[in-house]
Amino acid sequence: MDSLVFLGTGDAMGVPRVYCDCDVCTEARTTGNNRRFRSLVMIQGQDGDFLIDCGPDWRSQMERIGKRFADKILVTHAHFDHIGGLPEWADACRWLRRKGQLYAPQEVIETILKQFPWLDRHLDINTVDDSITLGGWKITSWKVCHGYNGFSYAYRLEKNGFRWVYCSDSIGLNEEEKKPLHDLDLLVLGTSFYHETAAYRTRSVYDMQEAAQLLSEVRPVKAIYTHMSHDIDVHADYPLPANVELAMTGMRVNLG
């Protein structure tokens, strides 16, 4: 059976935040249960492994699991916390004389190559504007609202009758954007705060209260919240829906 491994569960700044001495950041520096690298997951299975996203903590995440190379990486959008590790990956490809396979929608690829125009010397660039197959998973992408930060892409993955979605960066999805979220065995959803008090127009990711409303509409069998800021304490007893779990670094989930 394939599995989903959470290598990073944090928001754009990670936890602890270098400037912060709040209780969550302090705990993250000591016992470390709230320590969160930038969001990244690995899908493992007998048909091959791949990563979703490659943020600036990529090297530390790979070292932590003793993995020396990534063959395939699927990217959700071109914000630094999701692509900051691409130069290190490309450098690994250069040293090992192996071409990595980078997958992303065309407009995401264009933005990435504007920032890192030399990447395609070491990576094969593959577009994901329709559907692709990675590790035996049929993967479809669609554009989702990322609020103040523009847009991101979500991915729906299907294999052997199991259906799940990875949607790390979104807020205020409209009815069309919600359609692929129905009939899921698992929804992995970004929720940066339990209740975010910033003005809505300045926000970019669901909070957990808004996410609960979304879940009541799309009704996945199970949901896992990721992309969490230092507002979230994994030891707290939040009033979450019964089918919700908070992602933790290293957590492994069966996909089937």
C-alpha atoms as a PDB file:
ATOM      1  CA  MET A   1       0.000   0.000   0.000  1.00  0.00           C
ATOM      2  CA  ASP A   2       1.240   3.496  -0.832  1.00  0.00           C
ATOM      3  CA  SER A   3       1.793   5.990   1.933  1.00  0.00           C
ATOM      4  CA  LEU A   4       1.880   9.750   2.408  1.00  0.00           C
ATOM      5  CA  VAL A   5       4.718  11.100   4.562  1.00  0.00           C
ATOM      6  CA  PHE A   6       4.636  14.648   5.961  1.00  0.00           C
ATOM      7  CA  LEU A   7       8.174  16.037   5.745  1.00  0.00           C
ATOM      8  CA  GLY A   8       7.014  19.605   6.363  1.00  0.00           C
ATOM      9  CA  THR A   9       3.793  20.924   7.881  1.00  0.00           C
ATOM     10  CA  GLY A  10       4.558  24.627   8.372  1.00  0.00           C
ATOM     11  CA  ASP A  11       3.466  27.863   6.782  1.00  0.00           C
ATOM     12  CA  ALA A  12       5.715  30.251   4.850  1.00  0.00           C
ATOM     13  CA  MET A  13       7.798  31.182   7.929  1.00  0.00           C
ATOM     14  CA  GLY A  14       8.021  27.753   9.567  1.00  0.00           C
ATOM     15  CA  VAL A  15       8.017  27.101  13.317  1.00  0.00           C
ATOM     16  CA  PRO A  16       9.760  28.344  15.382  1.00  0.00           C
ATOM     17  CA  ARG A  17       9.850  31.786  13.852  1.00  0.00           C
ATOM     18  CA  VAL A  18      13.330  33.150  14.446  1.00  0.00           C
ATOM     19  CA  TYR A  19      12.090  36.394  16.032  1.00  0.00           C
ATOM     20  CA  CYS A  20       9.395  34.857  18.245  1.00  0.00           C
ATOM     21  CA  ASP A  21       9.318  33.698  21.874  1.00  0.00           C
ATOM     22  CA  CYS A  22       5.661  32.655  22.019  1.00  0.00           C
ATOM     23  CA  ASP A  23       4.769  29.411  23.818  1.00  0.00           C
ATOM     24  CA  VAL A  24       4.537  27.430  20.581  1.00  0.00           C
ATOM     25  CA  CYS A  25       7.888  28.654  19.231  1.00  0.00           C
ATOM     26  CA  THR A  26       9.520  28.046  22.623  1.00  0.00           C
ATOM     27  CA  GLU A  27       8.170  24.496  22.741  1.00  0.00           C
ATOM     28  CA  ALA A  28       9.358  23.943  19.162  1.00  0.00           C
ATOM     29  CA  ARG A  29      12.897  24.872  20.256  1.00  0.00           C
ATOM     30  CA  THR A  30      12.848  22.461  23.203  1.00  0.00           C
ATOM     31  CA  THR A  31      10.818  19.250  22.934  1.00  0.00           C
ATOM     32  CA  GLY A  32      10.128  20.019  19.288  1.00  0.00           C
ATOM     33  CA  ASN A  33       6.605  18.644  18.830  1.00  0.00           C
ATOM     34  CA  ASN A  34       5.562  21.941  17.238  1.00  0.00           C
ATOM     35  CA  ARG A  35       8.704  22.272  15.107  1.00  0.00           C
ATOM     36  CA  ARG A  36       7.502  22.626  11.546  1.00  0.00           C
ATOM     37  CA  PHE A  37       9.516  22.793   8.334  1.00  0.00           C
ATOM     38  CA  ARG A  38       7.891  24.420   5.314  1.00  0.00           C
ATOM     39  CA  SER A  39       5.129  22.279   3.788  1.00  0.00           C
ATOM     40  CA  LEU A  40       6.303  19.281   1.779  1.00  0.00           C
ATOM     41  CA  VAL A  41       5.023  15.735   1.436  1.00  0.00           C
ATOM     42  CA  MET A  42       6.389  12.522  -0.043  1.00  0.00           C
ATOM     43  CA  ILE A  43       4.264   9.839  -1.698  1.00  0.00           C
ATOM     44  CA  GLN A  44       5.882   6.410  -1.430  1.00  0.00           C
ATOM     45  CA  GLY A  45       4.838   3.191  -3.144  1.00  0.00           C
ATOM     46  CA  GLN A  46       5.940   0.208  -5.171  1.00  0.00           C
ATOM     47  CA  ASP A  47       5.355   2.189  -8.386  1.00  0.00           C
ATOM     48  CA  GLY A  48       7.838   4.886  -7.337  1.00  0.00           C
ATOM     49  CA  ASP A  49       8.173   7.868  -5.014  1.00  0.00           C
ATOM     50  CA  PHE A  50       7.695  11.587  -5.592  1.00  0.00           C
ATOM     51  CA  LEU A  51       7.528  14.816  -3.599  1.00  0.00           C
ATOM     52  CA  ILE A  52       5.016  17.620  -3.651  1.00  0.00           C
ATOM     53  CA  ASP A  53       6.848  20.969  -3.383  1.00  0.00           C
ATOM     54  CA  CYS A  54      10.466  21.804  -2.652  1.00  0.00           C
ATOM     55  CA  GLY A  55      10.778  24.661  -0.167  1.00  0.00           C
ATOM     56  CA  PRO A  56      13.861  26.189   1.479  1.00  0.00           C
ATOM     57  CA  ASP A  57      13.984  23.415   4.120  1.00  0.00           C
ATOM     58  CA  TRP A  58      14.320  20.711   1.441  1.00  0.00           C
ATOM     59  CA  ARG A  59      17.904  19.796   2.316  1.00  0.00           C
ATOM     60  CA  SER A  60      17.136  19.425   6.033  1.00  0.00           C
ATOM     61  CA  GLN A  61      14.011  17.418   5.257  1.00  0.00           C
ATOM     62  CA  MET A  62      15.945  15.034   3.033  1.00  0.00           C
ATOM     63  CA  GLU A  63      18.745  14.642   5.573  1.00  0.00           C
ATOM     64  CA  ARG A  64      16.218  13.935   8.308  1.00  0.00           C
ATOM     65  CA  ILE A  65      14.915  10.855   6.479  1.00  0.00           C
ATOM     66  CA  GLY A  66      18.287   9.781   5.088  1.00  0.00           C
ATOM     67  CA  LYS A  67      17.231  10.301   1.481  1.00  0.00           C
ATOM     68  CA  ARG A  68      20.026  11.357  -0.897  1.00  0.00           C
ATOM     69  CA  PHE A  69      18.100  12.135  -4.060  1.00  0.00           C
ATOM     70  CA  ALA A  70      14.638  12.957  -5.340  1.00  0.00           C
ATOM     71  CA  ASP A  71      13.785  11.833  -8.857  1.00  0.00           C
ATOM     72  CA  LYS A  72      10.431  13.593  -9.227  1.00  0.00           C
ATOM     73  CA  ILE A  73       8.948  16.727  -7.654  1.00  0.00           C
ATOM     74  CA  LEU A  74       5.482  18.141  -8.281  1.00  0.00           C
ATOM     75  CA  VAL A  75       5.085  21.859  -7.468  1.00  0.00           C
ATOM     76  CA  THR A  76       1.883  23.605  -6.404  1.00  0.00           C
ATOM     77  CA  HIS A  77       2.910  27.230  -7.024  1.00  0.00           C
ATOM     78  CA  ALA A  78       5.944  29.473  -7.327  1.00  0.00           C
ATOM     79  CA  HIS A  79       6.101  31.052  -3.861  1.00  0.00           C
ATOM     80  CA  PHE A  80       9.463  30.819  -2.105  1.00  0.00           C
ATOM     81  CA  ASP A  81       8.250  28.513   0.669  1.00  0.00           C
ATOM     82  CA  HIS A  82       7.329  25.979  -2.040  1.00  0.00           C
ATOM     83  CA  ILE A  83      10.231  26.362  -4.506  1.00  0.00           C
ATOM     84  CA  GLY A  84      13.158  27.709  -2.451  1.00  0.00           C
ATOM     85  CA  GLY A  85      14.868  24.314  -2.463  1.00  0.00           C
ATOM     86  CA  LEU A  86      14.847  23.863  -6.234  1.00  0.00           C
ATOM     87  CA  PRO A  87      18.391  25.257  -6.727  1.00  0.00           C
ATOM     88  CA  GLU A  88      19.762  22.726  -4.199  1.00  0.00           C
ATOM     89  CA  TRP A  89      17.878  19.926  -5.918  1.00  0.00           C
ATOM     90  CA  ALA A  90      19.225  21.019  -9.299  1.00  0.00           C
ATOM     91  CA  ASP A  91      22.727  21.172  -7.851  1.00  0.00           C
ATOM     92  CA  ALA A  92      22.335  17.604  -6.569  1.00  0.00           C
ATOM     93  CA  CYS A  93      21.292  16.602 -10.081  1.00  0.00           C
ATOM     94  CA  ARG A  94      24.402  18.316 -11.488  1.00  0.00           C
ATOM     95  CA  TRP A  95      26.793  16.590  -9.089  1.00  0.00           C
ATOM     96  CA  LEU A  96      25.183  13.173  -9.499  1.00  0.00           C
ATOM     97  CA  ARG A  97      24.798  13.603 -13.284  1.00  0.00           C
ATOM     98  CA  ARG A  98      21.118  12.684 -13.016  1.00  0.00           C
ATOM     99  CA  LYS A  99      18.228  14.650 -14.477  1.00  0.00           C
ATOM    100  CA  GLY A 100      15.476  15.352 -12.002  1.00  0.00           C
ATOM    101  CA  GLN A 101      11.887  15.509 -13.228  1.00  0.00           C
ATOM    102  CA  LEU A 102      10.069  18.727 -12.287  1.00  0.00           C
ATOM    103  CA  TYR A 103       6.284  18.822 -12.760  1.00  0.00           C
ATOM    104  CA  ALA A 104       4.070  21.914 -12.542  1.00  0.00           C
ATOM    105  CA  PRO A 105       1.393  23.800 -14.474  1.00  0.00           C
ATOM    106  CA  GLN A 106       2.771  25.886 -17.346  1.00  0.00           C
ATOM    107  CA  GLU A 107       2.299  29.292 -15.704  1.00  0.00           C
ATOM    108  CA  VAL A 108       4.046  28.036 -12.568  1.00  0.00           C
ATOM    109  CA  ILE A 109       6.943  26.730 -14.651  1.00  0.00           C
ATOM    110  CA  GLU A 110       7.271  30.086 -16.408  1.00  0.00           C
ATOM    111  CA  THR A 111       7.543  31.899 -13.073  1.00  0.00           C
ATOM    112  CA  ILE A 112      10.051  29.382 -11.715  1.00  0.00           C
ATOM    113  CA  LEU A 113      12.289  29.736 -14.775  1.00  0.00           C
ATOM    114  CA  LYS A 114      12.204  33.536 -14.514  1.00  0.00           C
ATOM    115  CA  GLN A 115      13.590  33.220 -10.998  1.00  0.00           C
ATOM    116  CA  PHE A 116      15.984  30.342 -11.722  1.00  0.00           C
ATOM    117  CA  PRO A 117      16.626  30.450 -15.490  1.00  0.00           C
ATOM    118  CA  TRP A 118      19.386  27.823 -15.317  1.00  0.00           C
ATOM    119  CA  LEU A 119      17.277  25.059 -13.765  1.00  0.00           C
ATOM    120  CA  ASP A 120      16.399  23.421 -17.054  1.00  0.00           C
ATOM    121  CA  ARG A 121      20.076  22.557 -17.580  1.00  0.00           C
ATOM    122  CA  HIS A 122      19.766  20.020 -14.772  1.00  0.00           C
ATOM    123  CA  LEU A 123      16.038  19.235 -14.679  1.00  0.00           C
ATOM    124  CA  ASP A 124      13.540  17.952 -17.201  1.00  0.00           C
ATOM    125  CA  ILE A 125      10.557  20.300 -17.079  1.00  0.00           C
ATOM    126  CA  ASN A 126       7.112  18.700 -17.446  1.00  0.00           C
ATOM    127  CA  THR A 127       3.788  20.530 -17.640  1.00  0.00           C
ATOM    128  CA  VAL A 128       0.749  19.405 -15.643  1.00  0.00           C
ATOM    129  CA  ASP A 129      -2.030  21.411 -17.255  1.00  0.00           C
ATOM    130  CA  ASP A 130      -4.184  18.355 -17.940  1.00  0.00           C
ATOM    131  CA  SER A 131      -3.425  15.123 -16.117  1.00  0.00           C
ATOM    132  CA  ILE A 132      -0.314  13.058 -15.549  1.00  0.00           C
ATOM    133  CA  THR A 133       0.593   9.788 -13.879  1.00  0.00           C
ATOM    134  CA  LEU A 134       3.252   9.628 -11.156  1.00  0.00           C
ATOM    135  CA  GLY A 135       3.892   6.558  -9.041  1.00  0.00           C
ATOM    136  CA  GLY A 136       0.819   4.956 -10.573  1.00  0.00           C
ATOM    137  CA  TRP A 137      -1.370   7.852  -9.384  1.00  0.00           C
ATOM    138  CA  LYS A 138      -3.551   9.661 -11.909  1.00  0.00           C
ATOM    139  CA  ILE A 139      -3.074  13.306 -11.003  1.00  0.00           C
ATOM    140  CA  THR A 140      -5.222  16.228 -12.114  1.00  0.00           C
ATOM    141  CA  SER A 141      -4.553  19.870 -11.267  1.00  0.00           C
ATOM    142  CA  TRP A 142      -6.736  22.919 -10.963  1.00  0.00           C
ATOM    143  CA  LYS A 143      -6.202  26.546 -10.043  1.00  0.00           C
ATOM    144  CA  VAL A 144      -7.398  27.681  -6.597  1.00  0.00           C
ATOM    145  CA  CYS A 145      -7.765  31.048  -4.922  1.00  0.00           C
ATOM    146  CA  HIS A 146      -4.787  31.914  -2.696  1.00  0.00           C
ATOM    147  CA  GLY A 147      -6.397  35.142  -1.516  1.00  0.00           C
ATOM    148  CA  TYR A 148      -4.080  38.123  -1.145  1.00  0.00           C
ATOM    149  CA  ASN A 149      -1.199  36.019  -2.505  1.00  0.00           C
ATOM    150  CA  GLY A 150      -2.844  35.335  -5.857  1.00  0.00           C
ATOM    151  CA  PHE A 151      -3.265  31.700  -6.847  1.00  0.00           C
ATOM    152  CA  SER A 152      -1.999  28.218  -6.201  1.00  0.00           C
ATOM    153  CA  TYR A 153      -2.794  24.806  -7.660  1.00  0.00           C
ATOM    154  CA  ALA A 154      -4.367  21.827  -5.939  1.00  0.00           C
ATOM    155  CA  TYR A 155      -3.899  18.202  -6.984  1.00  0.00           C
ATOM    156  CA  ARG A 156      -6.384  15.347  -6.991  1.00  0.00           C
ATOM    157  CA  LEU A 157      -4.785  11.897  -6.986  1.00  0.00           C
ATOM    158  CA  GLU A 158      -6.552   8.605  -7.756  1.00  0.00           C
ATOM    159  CA  LYS A 159      -5.245   5.033  -7.661  1.00  0.00           C
ATOM    160  CA  ASN A 160      -6.892   1.673  -7.013  1.00  0.00           C
ATOM    161  CA  GLY A 161     -10.146   3.358  -6.059  1.00  0.00           C
ATOM    162  CA  PHE A 162      -8.559   5.668  -3.456  1.00  0.00           C
ATOM    163  CA  ARG A 163      -9.137   9.390  -4.040  1.00  0.00           C
ATOM    164  CA  TRP A 164      -7.385  12.219  -2.247  1.00  0.00           C
ATOM    165  CA  VAL A 165      -6.480  15.873  -2.687  1.00  0.00           C
ATOM    166  CA  TYR A 166      -3.485  17.958  -1.668  1.00  0.00           C
ATOM    167  CA  CYS A 167      -4.490  21.618  -1.323  1.00  0.00           C
ATOM    168  CA  SER A 168      -1.933  23.420   0.817  1.00  0.00           C
ATOM    169  CA  ASP A 169      -2.569  27.092  -0.041  1.00  0.00           C
ATOM    170  CA  SER A 170      -6.123  28.258  -0.601  1.00  0.00           C
ATOM    171  CA  ILE A 171      -8.940  30.342   0.832  1.00  0.00           C
ATOM    172  CA  GLY A 172     -12.520  31.214  -0.101  1.00  0.00           C
ATOM    173  CA  LEU A 173     -12.870  28.612  -2.837  1.00  0.00           C
ATOM    174  CA  ASN A 174     -15.799  29.163  -5.170  1.00  0.00           C
ATOM    175  CA  GLU A 175     -18.184  26.389  -6.216  1.00  0.00           C
ATOM    176  CA  GLU A 176     -16.168  25.497  -9.312  1.00  0.00           C
ATOM    177  CA  GLU A 177     -12.954  25.256  -7.295  1.00  0.00           C
ATOM    178  CA  LYS A 178     -14.691  23.023  -4.740  1.00  0.00           C
ATOM    179  CA  LYS A 179     -15.944  20.438  -7.250  1.00  0.00           C
ATOM    180  CA  PRO A 180     -12.800  18.235  -7.201  1.00  0.00           C
ATOM    181  CA  LEU A 181     -12.993  18.161  -3.377  1.00  0.00           C
ATOM    182  CA  HIS A 182     -16.123  15.991  -3.377  1.00  0.00           C
ATOM    183  CA  ASP A 183     -16.069  12.175  -3.041  1.00  0.00           C
ATOM    184  CA  LEU A 184     -12.674  12.041  -1.331  1.00  0.00           C
ATOM    185  CA  ASP A 185     -11.197   9.482   0.997  1.00  0.00           C
ATOM    186  CA  LEU A 186      -8.700  12.095   2.196  1.00  0.00           C
ATOM    187  CA  LEU A 187      -8.344  15.865   1.957  1.00  0.00           C
ATOM    188  CA  VAL A 188      -5.023  17.439   2.954  1.00  0.00           C
ATOM    189  CA  LEU A 189      -5.799  21.113   3.495  1.00  0.00           C
ATOM    190  CA  GLY A 190      -3.711  24.101   4.505  1.00  0.00           C
ATOM    191  CA  THR A 191      -4.939  25.920   7.641  1.00  0.00           C
ATOM    192  CA  SER A 192      -2.476  28.493   8.954  1.00  0.00           C
ATOM    193  CA  PHE A 193      -4.416  29.565  12.074  1.00  0.00           C
ATOM    194  CA  TYR A 194      -7.204  28.247  14.278  1.00  0.00           C
ATOM    195  CA  HIS A 195      -8.973  31.605  13.950  1.00  0.00           C
ATOM    196  CA  GLU A 196      -7.146  34.301  12.015  1.00  0.00           C
ATOM    197  CA  THR A 197      -8.112  37.846  12.994  1.00  0.00           C
ATOM    198  CA  ALA A 198      -6.351  39.747  10.210  1.00  0.00           C
ATOM    199  CA  ALA A 199      -8.557  41.566   7.713  1.00  0.00           C
ATOM    200  CA  TYR A 200      -9.920  39.016   5.232  1.00  0.00           C
ATOM    201  CA  ARG A 201      -8.624  40.969   2.238  1.00  0.00           C
ATOM    202  CA  THR A 202      -5.054  40.509   3.533  1.00  0.00           C
ATOM    203  CA  ARG A 203      -5.306  36.750   4.078  1.00  0.00           C
ATOM    204  CA  SER A 204      -4.250  33.856   1.890  1.00  0.00           C
ATOM    205  CA  VAL A 205      -5.024  30.521   3.625  1.00  0.00           C
ATOM    206  CA  TYR A 206      -8.069  29.030   5.365  1.00  0.00           C
ATOM    207  CA  ASP A 207      -8.201  29.048   9.141  1.00  0.00           C
ATOM    208  CA  MET A 208      -9.496  25.960  10.941  1.00  0.00           C
ATOM    209  CA  GLN A 209     -12.945  27.379  11.613  1.00  0.00           C
ATOM    210  CA  GLU A 210     -13.434  28.194   7.933  1.00  0.00           C
ATOM    211  CA  ALA A 211     -12.003  24.791   7.016  1.00  0.00           C
ATOM    212  CA  ALA A 212     -14.642  23.093   9.175  1.00  0.00           C
ATOM    213  CA  GLN A 213     -17.332  24.802   7.113  1.00  0.00           C
ATOM    214  CA  LEU A 214     -15.652  23.666   3.893  1.00  0.00           C
ATOM    215  CA  LEU A 215     -15.497  20.081   5.168  1.00  0.00           C
ATOM    216  CA  SER A 216     -19.198  20.160   6.000  1.00  0.00           C
ATOM    217  CA  GLU A 217     -19.831  20.945   2.332  1.00  0.00           C
ATOM    218  CA  VAL A 218     -17.445  18.543   0.573  1.00  0.00           C
ATOM    219  CA  ARG A 219     -17.569  15.755   3.227  1.00  0.00           C
ATOM    220  CA  PRO A 220     -14.273  13.848   2.852  1.00  0.00           C
ATOM    221  CA  VAL A 221     -13.929  10.609   4.790  1.00  0.00           C
ATOM    222  CA  LYS A 222     -10.869  12.075   6.516  1.00  0.00           C
ATOM    223  CA  ALA A 223      -9.060  15.419   6.533  1.00  0.00           C
ATOM    224  CA  ILE A 224      -5.558  16.392   7.647  1.00  0.00           C
ATOM    225  CA  TYR A 225      -4.618  20.008   8.281  1.00  0.00           C
ATOM    226  CA  THR A 226      -1.139  21.205   7.287  1.00  0.00           C
ATOM    227  CA  HIS A 227       0.649  24.500   6.428  1.00  0.00           C
ATOM    228  CA  MET A 228       0.259  25.577  10.074  1.00  0.00           C
ATOM    229  CA  SER A 229       1.743  28.705  11.647  1.00  0.00           C
ATOM    230  CA  HIS A 230       2.982  29.267  15.194  1.00  0.00           C
ATOM    231  CA  ASP A 231      -0.622  29.992  16.151  1.00  0.00           C
ATOM    232  CA  ILE A 232      -1.255  26.225  16.211  1.00  0.00           C
ATOM    233  CA  ASP A 233      -0.204  24.112  19.207  1.00  0.00           C
ATOM    234  CA  VAL A 234      -0.429  20.380  18.521  1.00  0.00           C
ATOM    235  CA  HIS A 235      -1.008  19.825  22.255  1.00  0.00           C
ATOM    236  CA  ALA A 236      -4.114  22.037  22.344  1.00  0.00           C
ATOM    237  CA  ASP A 237      -7.611  20.575  22.424  1.00  0.00           C
ATOM    238  CA  TYR A 238      -9.193  22.388  19.491  1.00  0.00           C
ATOM    239  CA  PRO A 239     -12.878  21.702  18.795  1.00  0.00           C
ATOM    240  CA  LEU A 240     -12.226  20.148  15.396  1.00  0.00           C
ATOM    241  CA  PRO A 241     -14.525  17.916  13.341  1.00  0.00           C
ATOM    242  CA  ALA A 242     -14.257  14.266  14.351  1.00  0.00           C
ATOM    243  CA  ASN A 243     -12.609  13.246  11.077  1.00  0.00           C
ATOM    244  CA  VAL A 244      -9.789  15.838  11.279  1.00  0.00           C
ATOM    245  CA  GLU A 245      -6.185  15.266  12.315  1.00  0.00           C
ATOM    246  CA  LEU A 246      -3.306  17.750  12.562  1.00  0.00           C
ATOM    247  CA  ALA A 247      -0.232  16.828  10.531  1.00  0.00           C
ATOM    248  CA  MET A 248       3.026  16.349  12.407  1.00  0.00           C
ATOM    249  CA  THR A 249       6.550  16.084  11.036  1.00  0.00           C
ATOM    250  CA  GLY A 250       7.265  12.522  10.006  1.00  0.00           C
ATOM    251  CA  MET A 251       3.630  11.397  10.162  1.00  0.00           C
ATOM    252  CA  ARG A 252       2.839   8.561   7.755  1.00  0.00           C
ATOM    253  CA  VAL A 253      -0.660   7.949   6.379  1.00  0.00           C
ATOM    254  CA  ASN A 254      -1.784   4.921   4.390  1.00  0.00           C
ATOM    255  CA  LEU A 255      -3.294   5.758   1.003  1.00  0.00           C
ATOM    256  CA  GLY A 256      -5.701   2.889   0.569  1.00  0.00           C
END
